Amino acid sequence: MATSFLVIWLIVAAFPFLWTLWGSFKVEGDFFSKANWANAIFGTLTQEETGSSFTGAGYYGAWVQEEFWRAALNTTLVCIFVVTVSLTCGTLGGYALARSTHRYAFWFLLFALMFRAMPPITLVSGYLLPFFEWNLWGHLYTTVIVLVALNQPFTLWMLHSFFKNIPKDLDESAMVDGCTRFQAFRHVIIPVMWPGVITTGLFSFLLAYNDFAVTTMLLSKENQTMVPKIASFLGTTQTKGNVMFAVSAVVSVTAPLFVMVMFFQRQIVSGLTAGAVKG
């Protein structure tokens, strides 16, 4: 029974992506056919227009004609900097708060949680005026600053919980052996909680990778990341082929996420279950 349920759930969950992947190799008249849904499967109009049941025109139009590769490069840069800064500050801050004996640590985490609970659009609007006045609007680094500000409370909370599950005896033993506090953190604590760092880093990456509100409001057209770029395709549906450009771009954006999750699946599972079982 459980196996049957999982199989059904997997089919239902995977169908939208598989259907989009299949449709990305068709022309718009087939994939969005109202006359006969079977056209999306057999590619009747695609055969007539291109001479084949499959076409890569959507991918060529998106990546070459509309220069989607620029958006992919911008997304890569934003994600690298957001993850690097968030994890660096998060590991140091989470470790310090987990080992702190002062009551301010709890209130600091509570304040960070309140900050994270605020709608992102509220925080972004607060940055717009100084960015415009200082001529900083539209650049990638301003987006990195805002995304790190939005993401940092999450990384602090998540890494703080991982550090709390690591006995203080490890720190003390390393320091007795001659390590400084930072050396104990770097050489003893971090290797133990590496799965937690990987898990937190992945969630930070997904926040920056999938963000729409922040990147749409803070980036100029020339510096768009992938998600706002896809939205711009859909906003100009009167141009022939733009809808299929968007479909092909959606597949291009989603596929790397599957590869990343499959590659880091063991670390993710280890990180999410860290501290769940004791004894």
C-alpha atoms as a PDB file:
ATOM      1  CA  MET A   1       0.000   0.000   0.000  1.00  0.00           C
ATOM      2  CA  ALA A   2       2.749   2.415   0.970  1.00  0.00           C
ATOM      3  CA  THR A   3       4.695   1.588  -2.185  1.00  0.00           C
ATOM      4  CA  SER A   4       1.650   2.197  -4.368  1.00  0.00           C
ATOM      5  CA  PHE A   5       1.030   5.538  -2.680  1.00  0.00           C
ATOM      6  CA  LEU A   6       4.653   6.610  -3.234  1.00  0.00           C
ATOM      7  CA  VAL A   7       4.526   5.593  -6.888  1.00  0.00           C
ATOM      8  CA  ILE A   8       1.302   7.562  -7.428  1.00  0.00           C
ATOM      9  CA  TRP A   9       2.716  10.572  -5.587  1.00  0.00           C
ATOM     10  CA  LEU A  10       5.923  10.433  -7.665  1.00  0.00           C
ATOM     11  CA  ILE A  11       3.945  10.353 -10.914  1.00  0.00           C
ATOM     12  CA  VAL A  12       1.745  13.261  -9.868  1.00  0.00           C
ATOM     13  CA  ALA A  13       4.728  15.293  -8.640  1.00  0.00           C
ATOM     14  CA  ALA A  14       6.914  14.612 -11.692  1.00  0.00           C
ATOM     15  CA  PHE A  15       4.200  14.991 -14.342  1.00  0.00           C
ATOM     16  CA  PRO A  16       4.237  18.838 -14.602  1.00  0.00           C
ATOM     17  CA  PHE A  17       7.993  18.937 -15.211  1.00  0.00           C
ATOM     18  CA  LEU A  18       7.974  15.971 -17.623  1.00  0.00           C
ATOM     19  CA  TRP A  19       5.061  17.482 -19.540  1.00  0.00           C
ATOM     20  CA  THR A  20       6.842  20.836 -19.745  1.00  0.00           C
ATOM     21  CA  LEU A  21      10.054  19.108 -20.848  1.00  0.00           C
ATOM     22  CA  TRP A  22       8.186  17.290 -23.607  1.00  0.00           C
ATOM     23  CA  GLY A  23       6.341  20.429 -24.699  1.00  0.00           C
ATOM     24  CA  SER A  24       9.506  22.501 -24.853  1.00  0.00           C
ATOM     25  CA  PHE A  25      10.423  20.612 -28.055  1.00  0.00           C
ATOM     26  CA  LYS A  26       7.137  21.505 -29.759  1.00  0.00           C
ATOM     27  CA  VAL A  27       5.843  24.656 -31.393  1.00  0.00           C
ATOM     28  CA  GLU A  28       3.356  26.867 -29.581  1.00  0.00           C
ATOM     29  CA  GLY A  29       0.419  25.706 -31.712  1.00  0.00           C
ATOM     30  CA  ASP A  30       0.932  22.101 -30.572  1.00  0.00           C
ATOM     31  CA  PHE A  31       1.783  22.565 -26.911  1.00  0.00           C
ATOM     32  CA  PHE A  32      -1.068  25.017 -26.321  1.00  0.00           C
ATOM     33  CA  SER A  33      -3.493  23.477 -28.779  1.00  0.00           C
ATOM     34  CA  LYS A  34      -7.168  24.001 -27.882  1.00  0.00           C
ATOM     35  CA  ALA A  35      -8.480  21.981 -30.808  1.00  0.00           C
ATOM     36  CA  ASN A  36      -6.785  18.685 -29.958  1.00  0.00           C
ATOM     37  CA  TRP A  37      -4.654  18.006 -26.886  1.00  0.00           C
ATOM     38  CA  ALA A  38      -3.043  15.083 -28.720  1.00  0.00           C
ATOM     39  CA  ASN A  39      -1.123  17.594 -30.850  1.00  0.00           C
ATOM     40  CA  ALA A  40       1.089  18.251 -27.827  1.00  0.00           C
ATOM     41  CA  ILE A  41       2.041  14.571 -27.848  1.00  0.00           C
ATOM     42  CA  PHE A  42       2.425  13.847 -31.548  1.00  0.00           C
ATOM     43  CA  GLY A  43       3.563  17.293 -32.702  1.00  0.00           C
ATOM     44  CA  THR A  44       1.331  17.640 -35.752  1.00  0.00           C
ATOM     45  CA  LEU A  45       2.012  21.341 -36.334  1.00  0.00           C
ATOM     46  CA  THR A  46       5.635  20.918 -35.323  1.00  0.00           C
ATOM     47  CA  GLN A  47       5.987  18.333 -38.099  1.00  0.00           C
ATOM     48  CA  GLU A  48       4.413  20.702 -40.594  1.00  0.00           C
ATOM     49  CA  GLU A  49       6.479  23.735 -39.623  1.00  0.00           C
ATOM     50  CA  THR A  50       9.879  22.157 -39.015  1.00  0.00           C
ATOM     51  CA  GLY A  51       9.761  18.802 -40.771  1.00  0.00           C
ATOM     52  CA  SER A  52      10.234  16.904 -37.507  1.00  0.00           C
ATOM     53  CA  SER A  53       8.105  16.011 -34.488  1.00  0.00           C
ATOM     54  CA  PHE A  54      10.615  17.775 -32.249  1.00  0.00           C
ATOM     55  CA  THR A  55      12.324  21.127 -32.503  1.00  0.00           C
ATOM     56  CA  GLY A  56      14.890  22.996 -30.464  1.00  0.00           C
ATOM     57  CA  ALA A  57      13.694  26.387 -31.682  1.00  0.00           C
ATOM     58  CA  GLY A  58      12.478  27.329 -28.206  1.00  0.00           C
ATOM     59  CA  TYR A  59      15.892  26.729 -26.661  1.00  0.00           C
ATOM     60  CA  TYR A  60      17.710  28.491 -29.478  1.00  0.00           C
ATOM     61  CA  GLY A  61      15.363  31.457 -29.274  1.00  0.00           C
ATOM     62  CA  ALA A  62      15.692  31.738 -25.496  1.00  0.00           C
ATOM     63  CA  TRP A  63      19.427  31.153 -25.086  1.00  0.00           C
ATOM     64  CA  VAL A  64      20.768  32.736 -28.294  1.00  0.00           C
ATOM     65  CA  GLN A  65      18.153  35.085 -29.713  1.00  0.00           C
ATOM     66  CA  GLU A  66      17.014  36.515 -26.350  1.00  0.00           C
ATOM     67  CA  GLU A  67      20.409  35.970 -24.661  1.00  0.00           C
ATOM     68  CA  PHE A  68      19.090  33.951 -21.749  1.00  0.00           C
ATOM     69  CA  TRP A  69      22.695  32.963 -21.072  1.00  0.00           C
ATOM     70  CA  ARG A  70      23.276  36.422 -19.627  1.00  0.00           C
ATOM     71  CA  ALA A  71      20.489  35.878 -17.122  1.00  0.00           C
ATOM     72  CA  ALA A  72      21.966  32.456 -16.267  1.00  0.00           C
ATOM     73  CA  LEU A  73      25.374  34.052 -15.669  1.00  0.00           C
ATOM     74  CA  ASN A  74      23.844  36.764 -13.489  1.00  0.00           C
ATOM     75  CA  THR A  75      21.959  34.155 -11.472  1.00  0.00           C
ATOM     76  CA  THR A  76      25.152  32.155 -10.972  1.00  0.00           C
ATOM     77  CA  LEU A  77      27.041  35.197  -9.676  1.00  0.00           C
ATOM     78  CA  VAL A  78      24.210  36.222  -7.345  1.00  0.00           C
ATOM     79  CA  CYS A  79      23.865  32.691  -5.933  1.00  0.00           C
ATOM     80  CA  ILE A  80      27.612  32.268  -5.368  1.00  0.00           C
ATOM     81  CA  PHE A  81      27.923  35.532  -3.432  1.00  0.00           C
ATOM     82  CA  VAL A  82      24.692  35.072  -1.470  1.00  0.00           C
ATOM     83  CA  VAL A  83      25.619  31.537  -0.379  1.00  0.00           C
ATOM     84  CA  THR A  84      29.221  32.485   0.434  1.00  0.00           C
ATOM     85  CA  VAL A  85      28.339  35.529   2.537  1.00  0.00           C
ATOM     86  CA  SER A  86      25.329  33.867   4.200  1.00  0.00           C
ATOM     87  CA  LEU A  87      27.249  30.735   5.202  1.00  0.00           C
ATOM     88  CA  THR A  88      30.319  32.653   6.373  1.00  0.00           C
ATOM     89  CA  CYS A  89      28.293  34.950   8.611  1.00  0.00           C
ATOM     90  CA  GLY A  90      25.849  32.193   9.537  1.00  0.00           C
ATOM     91  CA  THR A  91      28.449  29.673  10.699  1.00  0.00           C
ATOM     92  CA  LEU A  92      30.381  32.215  12.740  1.00  0.00           C
ATOM     93  CA  GLY A  93      27.262  33.826  14.166  1.00  0.00           C
ATOM     94  CA  GLY A  94      25.460  30.528  14.767  1.00  0.00           C
ATOM     95  CA  TYR A  95      28.468  29.076  16.564  1.00  0.00           C
ATOM     96  CA  ALA A  96      28.892  32.184  18.729  1.00  0.00           C
ATOM     97  CA  LEU A  97      25.205  32.234  19.683  1.00  0.00           C
ATOM     98  CA  ALA A  98      25.133  28.489  20.368  1.00  0.00           C
ATOM     99  CA  ARG A  99      28.097  28.719  22.714  1.00  0.00           C
ATOM    100  CA  SER A 100      27.077  31.988  24.345  1.00  0.00           C
ATOM    101  CA  THR A 101      25.902  31.863  27.957  1.00  0.00           C
ATOM    102  CA  HIS A 102      24.384  35.357  27.832  1.00  0.00           C
ATOM    103  CA  ARG A 103      20.665  35.935  27.634  1.00  0.00           C
ATOM    104  CA  TYR A 104      21.042  38.391  24.750  1.00  0.00           C
ATOM    105  CA  ALA A 105      21.665  35.444  22.415  1.00  0.00           C
ATOM    106  CA  PHE A 106      18.031  34.348  22.743  1.00  0.00           C
ATOM    107  CA  TRP A 107      16.708  37.861  22.115  1.00  0.00           C
ATOM    108  CA  PHE A 108      19.030  38.305  19.173  1.00  0.00           C
ATOM    109  CA  LEU A 109      17.681  35.112  17.583  1.00  0.00           C
ATOM    110  CA  LEU A 110      14.116  36.161  18.339  1.00  0.00           C
ATOM    111  CA  PHE A 111      14.687  39.523  16.674  1.00  0.00           C
ATOM    112  CA  ALA A 112      16.203  37.766  13.647  1.00  0.00           C
ATOM    113  CA  LEU A 113      13.145  35.502  13.422  1.00  0.00           C
ATOM    114  CA  MET A 114      10.818  38.526  13.471  1.00  0.00           C
ATOM    115  CA  PHE A 115      12.888  40.101  10.703  1.00  0.00           C
ATOM    116  CA  ARG A 116      12.627  36.917   8.613  1.00  0.00           C
ATOM    117  CA  ALA A 117       8.866  36.739   9.110  1.00  0.00           C
ATOM    118  CA  MET A 118       8.338  40.125   7.459  1.00  0.00           C
ATOM    119  CA  PRO A 119       7.171  40.059   3.818  1.00  0.00           C
ATOM    120  CA  PRO A 120      10.207  40.496   1.530  1.00  0.00           C
ATOM    121  CA  ILE A 121       8.443  43.217  -0.429  1.00  0.00           C
ATOM    122  CA  THR A 122       8.290  45.315   2.752  1.00  0.00           C
ATOM    123  CA  LEU A 123      12.038  45.115   3.231  1.00  0.00           C
ATOM    124  CA  VAL A 124      12.827  45.713  -0.431  1.00  0.00           C
ATOM    125  CA  SER A 125      10.798  48.921  -0.493  1.00  0.00           C
ATOM    126  CA  GLY A 126      12.973  50.261   2.322  1.00  0.00           C
ATOM    127  CA  TYR A 127      16.096  49.816   0.211  1.00  0.00           C
ATOM    128  CA  LEU A 128      14.749  51.500  -2.930  1.00  0.00           C
ATOM    129  CA  LEU A 129      15.145  55.142  -1.859  1.00  0.00           C
ATOM    130  CA  PRO A 130      18.825  54.954  -0.796  1.00  0.00           C
ATOM    131  CA  PHE A 131      19.660  52.798  -3.825  1.00  0.00           C
ATOM    132  CA  PHE A 132      18.125  55.396  -6.152  1.00  0.00           C
ATOM    133  CA  GLU A 133      19.749  58.334  -4.357  1.00  0.00           C
ATOM    134  CA  TRP A 134      23.192  56.709  -4.361  1.00  0.00           C
ATOM    135  CA  ASN A 135      22.802  55.480  -7.954  1.00  0.00           C
ATOM    136  CA  LEU A 136      23.074  51.840  -6.877  1.00  0.00           C
ATOM    137  CA  TRP A 137      19.791  50.553  -8.306  1.00  0.00           C
ATOM    138  CA  GLY A 138      19.930  47.942 -11.052  1.00  0.00           C
ATOM    139  CA  HIS A 139      23.262  46.320 -10.139  1.00  0.00           C
ATOM    140  CA  LEU A 140      23.836  42.730  -9.071  1.00  0.00           C
ATOM    141  CA  TYR A 141      25.645  43.598  -5.844  1.00  0.00           C
ATOM    142  CA  THR A 142      22.642  45.515  -4.511  1.00  0.00           C
ATOM    143  CA  THR A 143      20.526  42.403  -5.020  1.00  0.00           C
ATOM    144  CA  VAL A 144      23.155  40.329  -3.215  1.00  0.00           C
ATOM    145  CA  ILE A 145      23.013  42.731  -0.248  1.00  0.00           C
ATOM    146  CA  VAL A 146      19.223  42.491   0.040  1.00  0.00           C
ATOM    147  CA  LEU A 147      19.081  38.708  -0.460  1.00  0.00           C
ATOM    148  CA  VAL A 148      21.747  38.191   2.204  1.00  0.00           C
ATOM    149  CA  ALA A 149      19.761  40.435   4.565  1.00  0.00           C
ATOM    150  CA  LEU A 150      16.637  38.361   3.918  1.00  0.00           C
ATOM    151  CA  ASN A 151      18.454  35.041   4.171  1.00  0.00           C
ATOM    152  CA  GLN A 152      20.731  35.664   7.145  1.00  0.00           C
ATOM    153  CA  PRO A 153      18.110  35.143   9.894  1.00  0.00           C
ATOM    154  CA  PHE A 154      17.275  31.738   8.399  1.00  0.00           C
ATOM    155  CA  THR A 155      20.901  30.636   8.229  1.00  0.00           C
ATOM    156  CA  LEU A 156      21.511  31.863  11.776  1.00  0.00           C
ATOM    157  CA  TRP A 157      18.582  29.880  13.152  1.00  0.00           C
ATOM    158  CA  MET A 158      19.344  26.741  11.195  1.00  0.00           C
ATOM    159  CA  LEU A 159      23.080  26.673  11.901  1.00  0.00           C
ATOM    160  CA  HIS A 160      22.504  27.673  15.535  1.00  0.00           C
ATOM    161  CA  SER A 161      20.319  24.576  15.984  1.00  0.00           C
ATOM    162  CA  PHE A 162      23.005  22.365  14.430  1.00  0.00           C
ATOM    163  CA  PHE A 163      25.716  23.797  16.682  1.00  0.00           C
ATOM    164  CA  LYS A 164      23.522  23.293  19.756  1.00  0.00           C
ATOM    165  CA  ASN A 165      23.441  19.566  19.004  1.00  0.00           C
ATOM    166  CA  ILE A 166      27.244  19.333  19.084  1.00  0.00           C
ATOM    167  CA  PRO A 167      28.586  18.743  22.622  1.00  0.00           C
ATOM    168  CA  LYS A 168      30.700  21.524  24.093  1.00  0.00           C
ATOM    169  CA  ASP A 169      33.150  18.846  25.180  1.00  0.00           C
ATOM    170  CA  LEU A 170      34.553  18.797  21.633  1.00  0.00           C
ATOM    171  CA  ASP A 171      35.464  22.481  21.816  1.00  0.00           C
ATOM    172  CA  GLU A 172      36.949  22.130  25.272  1.00  0.00           C
ATOM    173  CA  SER A 173      38.979  19.028  24.381  1.00  0.00           C
ATOM    174  CA  ALA A 174      40.444  20.762  21.333  1.00  0.00           C
ATOM    175  CA  MET A 175      41.323  23.835  23.377  1.00  0.00           C
ATOM    176  CA  VAL A 176      42.936  21.693  26.064  1.00  0.00           C
ATOM    177  CA  ASP A 177      45.100  20.188  23.298  1.00  0.00           C
ATOM    178  CA  GLY A 178      46.345  23.637  22.391  1.00  0.00           C
ATOM    179  CA  CYS A 179      43.820  24.923  19.826  1.00  0.00           C
ATOM    180  CA  THR A 180      42.480  28.422  19.968  1.00  0.00           C
ATOM    181  CA  ARG A 181      38.707  28.927  19.908  1.00  0.00           C
ATOM    182  CA  PHE A 182      38.765  29.579  16.157  1.00  0.00           C
ATOM    183  CA  GLN A 183      41.042  26.597  15.485  1.00  0.00           C
ATOM    184  CA  ALA A 184      38.678  24.366  17.436  1.00  0.00           C
ATOM    185  CA  PHE A 185      35.772  25.761  15.424  1.00  0.00           C
ATOM    186  CA  ARG A 186      37.538  25.286  12.101  1.00  0.00           C
ATOM    187  CA  HIS A 187      39.245  21.917  12.572  1.00  0.00           C
ATOM    188  CA  VAL A 188      36.891  20.114  14.973  1.00  0.00           C
ATOM    189  CA  ILE A 189      33.384  21.557  14.904  1.00  0.00           C
ATOM    190  CA  ILE A 190      32.929  22.332  11.206  1.00  0.00           C
ATOM    191  CA  PRO A 191      33.897  18.806   9.992  1.00  0.00           C
ATOM    192  CA  VAL A 192      31.384  17.312  12.436  1.00  0.00           C
ATOM    193  CA  MET A 193      28.510  19.478  11.252  1.00  0.00           C
ATOM    194  CA  TRP A 194      29.449  19.633   7.567  1.00  0.00           C
ATOM    195  CA  PRO A 195      26.113  18.043   6.503  1.00  0.00           C
ATOM    196  CA  GLY A 196      24.314  20.875   8.283  1.00  0.00           C
ATOM    197  CA  VAL A 197      26.411  23.458   6.426  1.00  0.00           C
ATOM    198  CA  ILE A 198      25.627  21.752   3.101  1.00  0.00           C
ATOM    199  CA  THR A 199      21.902  21.671   3.884  1.00  0.00           C
ATOM    200  CA  THR A 200      21.820  25.324   4.937  1.00  0.00           C
ATOM    201  CA  GLY A 201      23.867  26.308   1.902  1.00  0.00           C
ATOM    202  CA  LEU A 202      21.444  24.526  -0.400  1.00  0.00           C
ATOM    203  CA  PHE A 203      18.452  26.335   1.088  1.00  0.00           C
ATOM    204  CA  SER A 204      20.313  29.628   0.774  1.00  0.00           C
ATOM    205  CA  PHE A 205      21.065  28.822  -2.837  1.00  0.00           C
ATOM    206  CA  LEU A 206      17.408  28.028  -3.553  1.00  0.00           C
ATOM    207  CA  LEU A 207      16.295  31.319  -2.002  1.00  0.00           C
ATOM    208  CA  ALA A 208      18.602  33.299  -4.296  1.00  0.00           C
ATOM    209  CA  TYR A 209      18.023  31.056  -7.315  1.00  0.00           C
ATOM    210  CA  ASN A 210      14.216  31.174  -7.210  1.00  0.00           C
ATOM    211  CA  ASP A 211      13.733  34.741  -6.004  1.00  0.00           C
ATOM    212  CA  PHE A 212      11.355  36.891  -8.018  1.00  0.00           C
ATOM    213  CA  ALA A 213      10.224  39.843  -5.888  1.00  0.00           C
ATOM    214  CA  VAL A 214      13.679  41.157  -4.963  1.00  0.00           C
ATOM    215  CA  THR A 215      15.326  40.611  -8.341  1.00  0.00           C
ATOM    216  CA  THR A 216      12.400  42.114 -10.243  1.00  0.00           C
ATOM    217  CA  MET A 217      12.382  45.309  -8.189  1.00  0.00           C
ATOM    218  CA  LEU A 218      16.138  45.834  -7.858  1.00  0.00           C
ATOM    219  CA  LEU A 219      17.635  44.740 -11.190  1.00  0.00           C
ATOM    220  CA  SER A 220      17.670  46.587 -14.493  1.00  0.00           C
ATOM    221  CA  LYS A 221      16.719  44.795 -17.695  1.00  0.00           C
ATOM    222  CA  GLU A 222      20.379  44.311 -18.624  1.00  0.00           C
ATOM    223  CA  ASN A 223      21.166  42.624 -15.294  1.00  0.00           C
ATOM    224  CA  GLN A 224      18.089  40.412 -14.974  1.00  0.00           C
ATOM    225  CA  THR A 225      18.426  36.989 -13.406  1.00  0.00           C
ATOM    226  CA  MET A 226      16.646  33.955 -14.839  1.00  0.00           C
ATOM    227  CA  VAL A 227      13.268  34.109 -13.082  1.00  0.00           C
ATOM    228  CA  PRO A 228      12.507  37.769 -14.004  1.00  0.00           C
ATOM    229  CA  LYS A 229      13.773  37.036 -17.520  1.00  0.00           C
ATOM    230  CA  ILE A 230      11.226  34.223 -17.878  1.00  0.00           C
ATOM    231  CA  ALA A 231       8.505  36.581 -16.656  1.00  0.00           C
ATOM    232  CA  SER A 232       9.526  39.073 -19.349  1.00  0.00           C
ATOM    233  CA  PHE A 233       8.973  36.375 -21.989  1.00  0.00           C
ATOM    234  CA  LEU A 234       5.442  35.812 -20.728  1.00  0.00           C
ATOM    235  CA  GLY A 235       4.798  39.532 -20.615  1.00  0.00           C
ATOM    236  CA  THR A 236       5.312  39.843 -24.364  1.00  0.00           C
ATOM    237  CA  THR A 237       3.142  37.011 -25.654  1.00  0.00           C
ATOM    238  CA  GLN A 238       2.257  38.994 -28.774  1.00  0.00           C
ATOM    239  CA  THR A 239       5.742  38.258 -30.115  1.00  0.00           C
ATOM    240  CA  LYS A 240       5.801  34.942 -31.968  1.00  0.00           C
ATOM    241  CA  GLY A 241       7.677  32.226 -30.114  1.00  0.00           C
ATOM    242  CA  ASN A 242       8.071  34.054 -26.806  1.00  0.00           C
ATOM    243  CA  VAL A 243       5.794  31.645 -24.958  1.00  0.00           C
ATOM    244  CA  MET A 244       7.921  28.707 -26.076  1.00  0.00           C
ATOM    245  CA  PHE A 245      11.027  30.658 -25.116  1.00  0.00           C
ATOM    246  CA  ALA A 246       9.554  30.812 -21.607  1.00  0.00           C
ATOM    247  CA  VAL A 247       8.726  27.085 -21.602  1.00  0.00           C
ATOM    248  CA  SER A 248      12.252  26.172 -22.702  1.00  0.00           C
ATOM    249  CA  ALA A 249      13.742  28.555 -20.151  1.00  0.00           C
ATOM    250  CA  VAL A 250      11.652  26.997 -17.360  1.00  0.00           C
ATOM    251  CA  VAL A 251      13.087  23.577 -18.207  1.00  0.00           C
ATOM    252  CA  SER A 252      16.590  25.044 -18.315  1.00  0.00           C
ATOM    253  CA  VAL A 253      16.110  26.613 -14.882  1.00  0.00           C
ATOM    254  CA  THR A 254      14.585  23.525 -13.262  1.00  0.00           C
ATOM    255  CA  ALA A 255      16.944  20.827 -14.557  1.00  0.00           C
ATOM    256  CA  PRO A 256      20.047  22.001 -12.587  1.00  0.00           C
ATOM    257  CA  LEU A 257      18.046  21.850  -9.351  1.00  0.00           C
ATOM    258  CA  PHE A 258      17.310  18.152  -9.885  1.00  0.00           C
ATOM    259  CA  VAL A 259      20.990  17.470 -10.534  1.00  0.00           C
ATOM    260  CA  MET A 260      22.076  19.420  -7.446  1.00  0.00           C
ATOM    261  CA  VAL A 261      19.601  17.717  -5.128  1.00  0.00           C
ATOM    262  CA  MET A 262      20.600  14.272  -6.445  1.00  0.00           C
ATOM    263  CA  PHE A 263      24.288  15.106  -5.983  1.00  0.00           C
ATOM    264  CA  PHE A 264      23.885  16.358  -2.410  1.00  0.00           C
ATOM    265  CA  GLN A 265      21.074  14.032  -1.329  1.00  0.00           C
ATOM    266  CA  ARG A 266      23.118  12.214   1.342  1.00  0.00           C
ATOM    267  CA  GLN A 267      24.361  15.424   2.900  1.00  0.00           C
ATOM    268  CA  ILE A 268      20.855  16.900   2.834  1.00  0.00           C
ATOM    269  CA  VAL A 269      19.335  13.885   4.578  1.00  0.00           C
ATOM    270  CA  SER A 270      22.141  13.830   7.142  1.00  0.00           C
ATOM    271  CA  GLY A 271      21.764  17.542   7.782  1.00  0.00           C
ATOM    272  CA  LEU A 272      17.980  17.498   8.122  1.00  0.00           C
ATOM    273  CA  THR A 273      18.068  14.545  10.521  1.00  0.00           C
ATOM    274  CA  ALA A 274      21.033  15.778  12.575  1.00  0.00           C
ATOM    275  CA  GLY A 275      20.082  15.753  16.214  1.00  0.00           C
ATOM    276  CA  ALA A 276      16.763  14.035  15.593  1.00  0.00           C
ATOM    277  CA  VAL A 277      17.946  10.839  17.263  1.00  0.00           C
ATOM    278  CA  LYS A 278      19.992  10.849  20.438  1.00  0.00           C
ATOM    279  CA  GLY A 279      21.240   8.208  22.750  1.00  0.00           C
END
